[in-house]
Amino acid sequence: MKMIIFLAMLLLWGCTSTSSRSVEFLPASKVCTESYWDKAKGQYHKVRSGETLYKICSSYGVKLKDVIIANNMEDPSRIKEGQLLYIPDRTVKPNISSSNFIWPVEGKVISYFKDTTSKGANKGIDIRLFSSQRVVAAASGEVCYSGEDIKGYDKVVMIDHGEGLYSLYAYNDLLLVKKGDYVKQGDFISCIDKESGVLHFELRRENNPLDPLKFLK
């Protein structure tokens, strides 16, 4: 499935009405500890009866994961009437750098970025596992794809990390997350249950593949 589909779906989230909002303008540093929000200008939203976090984010035209991070929410599914949520300024973006990504599995790289493969130039890296493992999210973000519709890649997970950065995990045997889930760095997202299995891992900015070894720590 092409990246442009995912981007279009994310953009559509911000196209709903912004009427009837009860807000108060306060600096982000009042409510959150993440360093990249410290100087942000945003506003509070008081949760009304029947509202969901998804509906609130759509109303303000902000991404679900940004509100989760800004409010340090452990369980985004549990919000209650009267609760104050900090809505960050949507022009403020997290700082994604090379130090933000961890290895998704333990193993040995057997095919490098741009190596010639049966599918053409490798758009990521292939990692042969030392044993069956659960795959972890290389960085925090929102699952934008979880399925097996991409021919030749078995079961695939794709995570949106913001700033136009996406990670892709292919050749999985079992998927542990679904589209729309928010995952933190190190959370289990899939399983490869056979010894000497292979994980195909990609990092992309928009639809342009990047060398993962320049980002992994």
C-alpha atoms as a PDB file:
ATOM      1  CA  MET A   1       0.000   0.000   0.000  1.00  0.00           C
ATOM      2  CA  LYS A   2       1.452   3.314  -1.030  1.00  0.00           C
ATOM      3  CA  MET A   3       2.611   5.861   1.558  1.00  0.00           C
ATOM      4  CA  ILE A   4       0.511   8.579  -0.056  1.00  0.00           C
ATOM      5  CA  ILE A   5      -2.645   6.762   1.118  1.00  0.00           C
ATOM      6  CA  PHE A   6      -1.500   6.890   4.723  1.00  0.00           C
ATOM      7  CA  LEU A   7      -0.561  10.559   4.495  1.00  0.00           C
ATOM      8  CA  ALA A   8      -3.903  11.451   2.959  1.00  0.00           C
ATOM      9  CA  MET A   9      -5.793   9.629   5.709  1.00  0.00           C
ATOM     10  CA  LEU A  10      -3.825  11.445   8.400  1.00  0.00           C
ATOM     11  CA  LEU A  11      -4.465  14.808   6.771  1.00  0.00           C
ATOM     12  CA  LEU A  12      -8.198  14.125   6.602  1.00  0.00           C
ATOM     13  CA  TRP A  13      -8.309  13.869  10.400  1.00  0.00           C
ATOM     14  CA  GLY A  14      -7.860  17.618  10.635  1.00  0.00           C
ATOM     15  CA  CYS A  15     -10.816  18.505   8.392  1.00  0.00           C
ATOM     16  CA  THR A  16     -13.630  18.493  10.956  1.00  0.00           C
ATOM     17  CA  SER A  17     -15.435  21.467  12.536  1.00  0.00           C
ATOM     18  CA  THR A  18     -13.782  23.448  15.352  1.00  0.00           C
ATOM     19  CA  SER A  19     -16.957  25.012  16.732  1.00  0.00           C
ATOM     20  CA  SER A  20     -18.287  24.892  20.330  1.00  0.00           C
ATOM     21  CA  ARG A  21     -14.889  24.525  21.991  1.00  0.00           C
ATOM     22  CA  SER A  22     -14.333  25.546  25.600  1.00  0.00           C
ATOM     23  CA  VAL A  23     -10.667  26.516  25.842  1.00  0.00           C
ATOM     24  CA  GLU A  24      -8.121  28.377  27.904  1.00  0.00           C
ATOM     25  CA  PHE A  25      -4.750  29.499  26.510  1.00  0.00           C
ATOM     26  CA  LEU A  26      -1.732  28.404  28.558  1.00  0.00           C
ATOM     27  CA  PRO A  27       1.920  27.539  27.830  1.00  0.00           C
ATOM     28  CA  ALA A  28       2.684  23.854  27.313  1.00  0.00           C
ATOM     29  CA  SER A  29       5.322  23.869  30.052  1.00  0.00           C
ATOM     30  CA  LYS A  30       2.499  24.131  32.619  1.00  0.00           C
ATOM     31  CA  VAL A  31       1.287  20.605  31.929  1.00  0.00           C
ATOM     32  CA  CYS A  32       3.928  18.509  30.178  1.00  0.00           C
ATOM     33  CA  THR A  33       7.521  17.486  30.680  1.00  0.00           C
ATOM     34  CA  GLU A  34       8.607  16.556  27.158  1.00  0.00           C
ATOM     35  CA  SER A  35      11.385  19.010  26.229  1.00  0.00           C
ATOM     36  CA  TYR A  36      10.141  19.703  22.725  1.00  0.00           C
ATOM     37  CA  TRP A  37       6.861  21.087  24.062  1.00  0.00           C
ATOM     38  CA  ASP A  38       8.460  23.412  26.642  1.00  0.00           C
ATOM     39  CA  LYS A  39       8.119  26.605  24.607  1.00  0.00           C
ATOM     40  CA  ALA A  40       4.910  25.685  22.812  1.00  0.00           C
ATOM     41  CA  LYS A  41       1.778  27.762  22.947  1.00  0.00           C
ATOM     42  CA  GLY A  42      -1.418  25.785  23.172  1.00  0.00           C
ATOM     43  CA  GLN A  43      -4.695  25.563  24.990  1.00  0.00           C
ATOM     44  CA  TYR A  44      -6.728  23.473  27.388  1.00  0.00           C
ATOM     45  CA  HIS A  45      -9.837  21.519  26.455  1.00  0.00           C
ATOM     46  CA  LYS A  46     -12.338  20.487  29.109  1.00  0.00           C
ATOM     47  CA  VAL A  47     -13.713  17.049  28.255  1.00  0.00           C
ATOM     48  CA  ARG A  48     -17.482  16.959  27.815  1.00  0.00           C
ATOM     49  CA  SER A  49     -19.812  13.991  28.240  1.00  0.00           C
ATOM     50  CA  GLY A  50     -19.558  11.490  25.377  1.00  0.00           C
ATOM     51  CA  GLU A  51     -16.358  12.911  23.879  1.00  0.00           C
ATOM     52  CA  THR A  52     -13.525  10.623  22.798  1.00  0.00           C
ATOM     53  CA  LEU A  53      -9.876  11.542  22.452  1.00  0.00           C
ATOM     54  CA  TYR A  54     -10.071  10.912  18.708  1.00  0.00           C
ATOM     55  CA  LYS A  55     -13.042  13.297  18.370  1.00  0.00           C
ATOM     56  CA  ILE A  56     -11.283  15.994  20.395  1.00  0.00           C
ATOM     57  CA  CYS A  57      -8.096  15.754  18.320  1.00  0.00           C
ATOM     58  CA  SER A  58     -10.078  15.872  15.081  1.00  0.00           C
ATOM     59  CA  SER A  59     -11.910  18.954  16.318  1.00  0.00           C
ATOM     60  CA  TYR A  60      -8.650  20.843  16.891  1.00  0.00           C
ATOM     61  CA  GLY A  61      -6.889  19.498  13.808  1.00  0.00           C
ATOM     62  CA  VAL A  62      -4.050  17.950  15.817  1.00  0.00           C
ATOM     63  CA  LYS A  63      -2.599  14.457  15.783  1.00  0.00           C
ATOM     64  CA  LEU A  64      -3.679  11.952  18.394  1.00  0.00           C
ATOM     65  CA  LYS A  65      -0.102  11.061  19.331  1.00  0.00           C
ATOM     66  CA  ASP A  66       0.823  14.732  19.926  1.00  0.00           C
ATOM     67  CA  VAL A  67      -1.949  15.117  22.524  1.00  0.00           C
ATOM     68  CA  ILE A  68      -0.977  11.793  24.144  1.00  0.00           C
ATOM     69  CA  ILE A  69       2.647  12.919  24.457  1.00  0.00           C
ATOM     70  CA  ALA A  70       1.791  16.442  25.626  1.00  0.00           C
ATOM     71  CA  ASN A  71      -0.426  15.080  28.429  1.00  0.00           C
ATOM     72  CA  ASN A  72       1.881  12.165  29.306  1.00  0.00           C
ATOM     73  CA  MET A  73      -1.086   9.786  28.982  1.00  0.00           C
ATOM     74  CA  GLU A  74      -0.489   6.151  29.934  1.00  0.00           C
ATOM     75  CA  ASP A  75      -3.944   4.981  28.826  1.00  0.00           C
ATOM     76  CA  PRO A  76      -5.377   7.240  26.092  1.00  0.00           C
ATOM     77  CA  SER A  77      -8.638   5.275  26.054  1.00  0.00           C
ATOM     78  CA  ARG A  78      -9.535   6.501  29.543  1.00  0.00           C
ATOM     79  CA  ILE A  79     -10.581  10.132  29.590  1.00  0.00           C
ATOM     80  CA  LYS A  80     -13.427  11.405  31.736  1.00  0.00           C
ATOM     81  CA  GLU A  81     -15.899  14.263  31.763  1.00  0.00           C
ATOM     82  CA  GLY A  82     -14.427  17.435  33.274  1.00  0.00           C
ATOM     83  CA  GLN A  83     -10.826  16.388  32.637  1.00  0.00           C
ATOM     84  CA  LEU A  84      -8.526  19.137  31.301  1.00  0.00           C
ATOM     85  CA  LEU A  85      -6.476  18.098  28.280  1.00  0.00           C
ATOM     86  CA  TYR A  86      -3.634  20.205  26.947  1.00  0.00           C
ATOM     87  CA  ILE A  87      -3.914  20.710  23.172  1.00  0.00           C
ATOM     88  CA  PRO A  88      -0.488  21.689  21.777  1.00  0.00           C
ATOM     89  CA  ASP A  89      -0.085  24.193  18.993  1.00  0.00           C
ATOM     90  CA  ARG A  90      -0.232  22.100  15.820  1.00  0.00           C
ATOM     91  CA  THR A  91       2.676  24.085  14.327  1.00  0.00           C
ATOM     92  CA  VAL A  92       5.021  22.665  16.998  1.00  0.00           C
ATOM     93  CA  LYS A  93       6.628  19.365  15.986  1.00  0.00           C
ATOM     94  CA  PRO A  94       8.640  16.817  17.984  1.00  0.00           C
ATOM     95  CA  ASN A  95      12.382  16.734  17.466  1.00  0.00           C
ATOM     96  CA  ILE A  96      13.142  13.420  15.772  1.00  0.00           C
ATOM     97  CA  SER A  97      16.890  12.837  15.531  1.00  0.00           C
ATOM     98  CA  SER A  98      19.265   9.958  14.915  1.00  0.00           C
ATOM     99  CA  SER A  99      19.416   9.276  18.652  1.00  0.00           C
ATOM    100  CA  ASN A 100      15.696   8.528  18.843  1.00  0.00           C
ATOM    101  CA  PHE A 101      15.656   5.062  17.241  1.00  0.00           C
ATOM    102  CA  ILE A 102      16.557   1.727  18.828  1.00  0.00           C
ATOM    103  CA  TRP A 103      17.101  -1.653  17.177  1.00  0.00           C
ATOM    104  CA  PRO A 104      13.776  -3.471  16.688  1.00  0.00           C
ATOM    105  CA  VAL A 105      15.338  -6.930  17.188  1.00  0.00           C
ATOM    106  CA  GLU A 106      18.643  -8.535  18.126  1.00  0.00           C
ATOM    107  CA  GLY A 107      20.425 -10.122  15.204  1.00  0.00           C
ATOM    108  CA  LYS A 108      22.880  -9.741  12.360  1.00  0.00           C
ATOM    109  CA  VAL A 109      22.419  -7.472   9.348  1.00  0.00           C
ATOM    110  CA  ILE A 110      22.570  -9.703   6.272  1.00  0.00           C
ATOM    111  CA  SER A 111      21.442  -7.183   3.646  1.00  0.00           C
ATOM    112  CA  TYR A 112      22.225  -3.485   3.760  1.00  0.00           C
ATOM    113  CA  PHE A 113      20.535  -0.354   2.428  1.00  0.00           C
ATOM    114  CA  LYS A 114      20.661  -0.249  -1.388  1.00  0.00           C
ATOM    115  CA  ASP A 115      22.057  -3.799  -1.659  1.00  0.00           C
ATOM    116  CA  THR A 116      20.795  -5.651  -4.728  1.00  0.00           C
ATOM    117  CA  THR A 117      18.052  -8.161  -3.843  1.00  0.00           C
ATOM    118  CA  SER A 118      15.494 -10.259  -5.713  1.00  0.00           C
ATOM    119  CA  LYS A 119      13.085  -7.322  -5.250  1.00  0.00           C
ATOM    120  CA  GLY A 120      15.584  -4.745  -6.524  1.00  0.00           C
ATOM    121  CA  ALA A 121      17.631  -2.304  -4.418  1.00  0.00           C
ATOM    122  CA  ASN A 122      17.060  -2.855  -0.708  1.00  0.00           C
ATOM    123  CA  LYS A 123      15.059   0.080   0.686  1.00  0.00           C
ATOM    124  CA  GLY A 124      16.048  -0.798   4.246  1.00  0.00           C
ATOM    125  CA  ILE A 125      18.019  -3.534   6.000  1.00  0.00           C
ATOM    126  CA  ASP A 126      17.391  -7.229   6.612  1.00  0.00           C
ATOM    127  CA  ILE A 127      18.243  -8.563  10.068  1.00  0.00           C
ATOM    128  CA  ARG A 128      18.652 -12.313  10.682  1.00  0.00           C
ATOM    129  CA  LEU A 129      17.495 -13.150  14.207  1.00  0.00           C
ATOM    130  CA  PHE A 130      19.553 -15.195  16.654  1.00  0.00           C
ATOM    131  CA  SER A 131      16.322 -16.729  17.980  1.00  0.00           C
ATOM    132  CA  SER A 132      12.555 -16.270  17.749  1.00  0.00           C
ATOM    133  CA  GLN A 133      11.733 -12.802  19.093  1.00  0.00           C
ATOM    134  CA  ARG A 134       9.088 -10.186  19.652  1.00  0.00           C
ATOM    135  CA  VAL A 135       9.776  -7.097  17.550  1.00  0.00           C
ATOM    136  CA  VAL A 136       9.774  -3.720  19.325  1.00  0.00           C
ATOM    137  CA  ALA A 137       8.919  -0.232  18.079  1.00  0.00           C
ATOM    138  CA  ALA A 138      12.138   1.575  17.131  1.00  0.00           C
ATOM    139  CA  ALA A 139      10.590   4.871  18.321  1.00  0.00           C
ATOM    140  CA  SER A 140       7.271   6.085  19.698  1.00  0.00           C
ATOM    141  CA  GLY A 141       4.456   6.840  17.297  1.00  0.00           C
ATOM    142  CA  GLU A 142       1.091   5.871  15.871  1.00  0.00           C
ATOM    143  CA  VAL A 143       0.515   2.632  13.971  1.00  0.00           C
ATOM    144  CA  CYS A 144      -0.660   3.674  10.496  1.00  0.00           C
ATOM    145  CA  TYR A 145      -0.684   0.196   8.963  1.00  0.00           C
ATOM    146  CA  SER A 146      -0.941  -3.340  10.340  1.00  0.00           C
ATOM    147  CA  GLY A 147      -1.763  -6.132   7.930  1.00  0.00           C
ATOM    148  CA  GLU A 148      -0.607  -8.372   5.109  1.00  0.00           C
ATOM    149  CA  ASP A 149      -1.797  -6.580   1.980  1.00  0.00           C
ATOM    150  CA  ILE A 150       1.730  -5.719   0.809  1.00  0.00           C
ATOM    151  CA  LYS A 151       2.627  -8.562  -1.534  1.00  0.00           C
ATOM    152  CA  GLY A 152       5.868 -10.376  -0.784  1.00  0.00           C
ATOM    153  CA  TYR A 153       6.376  -8.933   2.712  1.00  0.00           C
ATOM    154  CA  ASP A 154       4.169 -11.238   4.824  1.00  0.00           C
ATOM    155  CA  LYS A 155       2.695  -9.423   7.845  1.00  0.00           C
ATOM    156  CA  VAL A 156       3.728  -5.760   8.068  1.00  0.00           C
ATOM    157  CA  VAL A 157       3.583  -3.009  10.697  1.00  0.00           C
ATOM    158  CA  MET A 158       4.145   0.649   9.828  1.00  0.00           C
ATOM    159  CA  ILE A 159       4.527   3.416  12.445  1.00  0.00           C
ATOM    160  CA  ASP A 160       4.180   7.178  11.937  1.00  0.00           C
ATOM    161  CA  HIS A 161       6.724   8.988  14.147  1.00  0.00           C
ATOM    162  CA  GLY A 162       5.830  12.522  13.083  1.00  0.00           C
ATOM    163  CA  GLU A 163       7.989  14.954  11.098  1.00  0.00           C
ATOM    164  CA  GLY A 164       7.205  12.826   8.026  1.00  0.00           C
ATOM    165  CA  LEU A 165       9.195   9.870   9.428  1.00  0.00           C
ATOM    166  CA  TYR A 166       7.860   6.316   9.193  1.00  0.00           C
ATOM    167  CA  SER A 167       9.288   2.942  10.183  1.00  0.00           C
ATOM    168  CA  LEU A 168       8.278  -0.331   8.536  1.00  0.00           C
ATOM    169  CA  TYR A 169       8.667  -3.870   9.913  1.00  0.00           C
ATOM    170  CA  ALA A 170       8.098  -6.781   7.501  1.00  0.00           C
ATOM    171  CA  TYR A 171       8.258 -10.625   7.427  1.00  0.00           C
ATOM    172  CA  ASN A 172       6.430 -10.916  10.760  1.00  0.00           C
ATOM    173  CA  ASP A 173       4.577 -14.079  11.768  1.00  0.00           C
ATOM    174  CA  LEU A 174       2.158 -12.424  14.205  1.00  0.00           C
ATOM    175  CA  LEU A 175       0.986  -8.820  14.587  1.00  0.00           C
ATOM    176  CA  LEU A 176       0.422  -7.465  18.122  1.00  0.00           C
ATOM    177  CA  VAL A 177      -0.881  -3.984  17.233  1.00  0.00           C
ATOM    178  CA  LYS A 178      -3.591  -2.559  15.008  1.00  0.00           C
ATOM    179  CA  LYS A 179      -3.957   0.606  12.971  1.00  0.00           C
ATOM    180  CA  GLY A 180      -4.571   3.629  15.207  1.00  0.00           C
ATOM    181  CA  ASP A 181      -2.710   2.225  18.234  1.00  0.00           C
ATOM    182  CA  TYR A 182      -0.182   4.522  19.888  1.00  0.00           C
ATOM    183  CA  VAL A 183       3.034   2.688  20.808  1.00  0.00           C
ATOM    184  CA  LYS A 184       5.982   3.809  22.872  1.00  0.00           C
ATOM    185  CA  GLN A 185       9.581   3.111  21.981  1.00  0.00           C
ATOM    186  CA  GLY A 186      10.380  -0.484  22.986  1.00  0.00           C
ATOM    187  CA  ASP A 187       6.750  -1.680  23.002  1.00  0.00           C
ATOM    188  CA  PHE A 188       6.160  -5.084  21.423  1.00  0.00           C
ATOM    189  CA  ILE A 189       4.498  -4.744  18.016  1.00  0.00           C
ATOM    190  CA  SER A 190       4.913  -8.157  16.350  1.00  0.00           C
ATOM    191  CA  CYS A 191       6.486 -11.615  16.606  1.00  0.00           C
ATOM    192  CA  ILE A 192       8.856 -13.635  14.480  1.00  0.00           C
ATOM    193  CA  ASP A 193       8.446 -17.105  15.945  1.00  0.00           C
ATOM    194  CA  LYS A 194      11.042 -19.086  14.017  1.00  0.00           C
ATOM    195  CA  GLU A 195      14.740 -19.296  14.793  1.00  0.00           C
ATOM    196  CA  SER A 196      16.921 -17.723  12.083  1.00  0.00           C
ATOM    197  CA  GLY A 197      13.941 -15.704  10.911  1.00  0.00           C
ATOM    198  CA  VAL A 198      14.495 -12.368   9.153  1.00  0.00           C
ATOM    199  CA  LEU A 199      13.060  -8.920   9.875  1.00  0.00           C
ATOM    200  CA  HIS A 200      12.989  -6.423   7.026  1.00  0.00           C
ATOM    201  CA  PHE A 201      13.224  -2.921   8.538  1.00  0.00           C
ATOM    202  CA  GLU A 202      12.830   0.404   6.741  1.00  0.00           C
ATOM    203  CA  LEU A 203      12.882   4.074   7.710  1.00  0.00           C
ATOM    204  CA  ARG A 204      11.292   6.608   5.367  1.00  0.00           C
ATOM    205  CA  ARG A 205      10.845  10.354   5.287  1.00  0.00           C
ATOM    206  CA  GLU A 206       7.568  10.834   3.438  1.00  0.00           C
ATOM    207  CA  ASN A 207       8.062   8.216   0.694  1.00  0.00           C
ATOM    208  CA  ASN A 208      11.856   8.472   0.484  1.00  0.00           C
ATOM    209  CA  PRO A 209      13.812   5.533   1.972  1.00  0.00           C
ATOM    210  CA  LEU A 210      16.618   6.346   4.433  1.00  0.00           C
ATOM    211  CA  ASP A 211      19.568   4.248   5.561  1.00  0.00           C
ATOM    212  CA  PRO A 212      18.391   2.848   8.924  1.00  0.00           C
ATOM    213  CA  LEU A 213      21.954   2.361  10.175  1.00  0.00           C
ATOM    214  CA  LYS A 214      22.344   6.157  10.293  1.00  0.00           C
ATOM    215  CA  PHE A 215      19.417   6.363  12.740  1.00  0.00           C
ATOM    216  CA  LEU A 216      19.698   3.257  14.930  1.00  0.00           C
ATOM    217  CA  LYS A 217      21.592   3.419  18.188  1.00  0.00           C
END
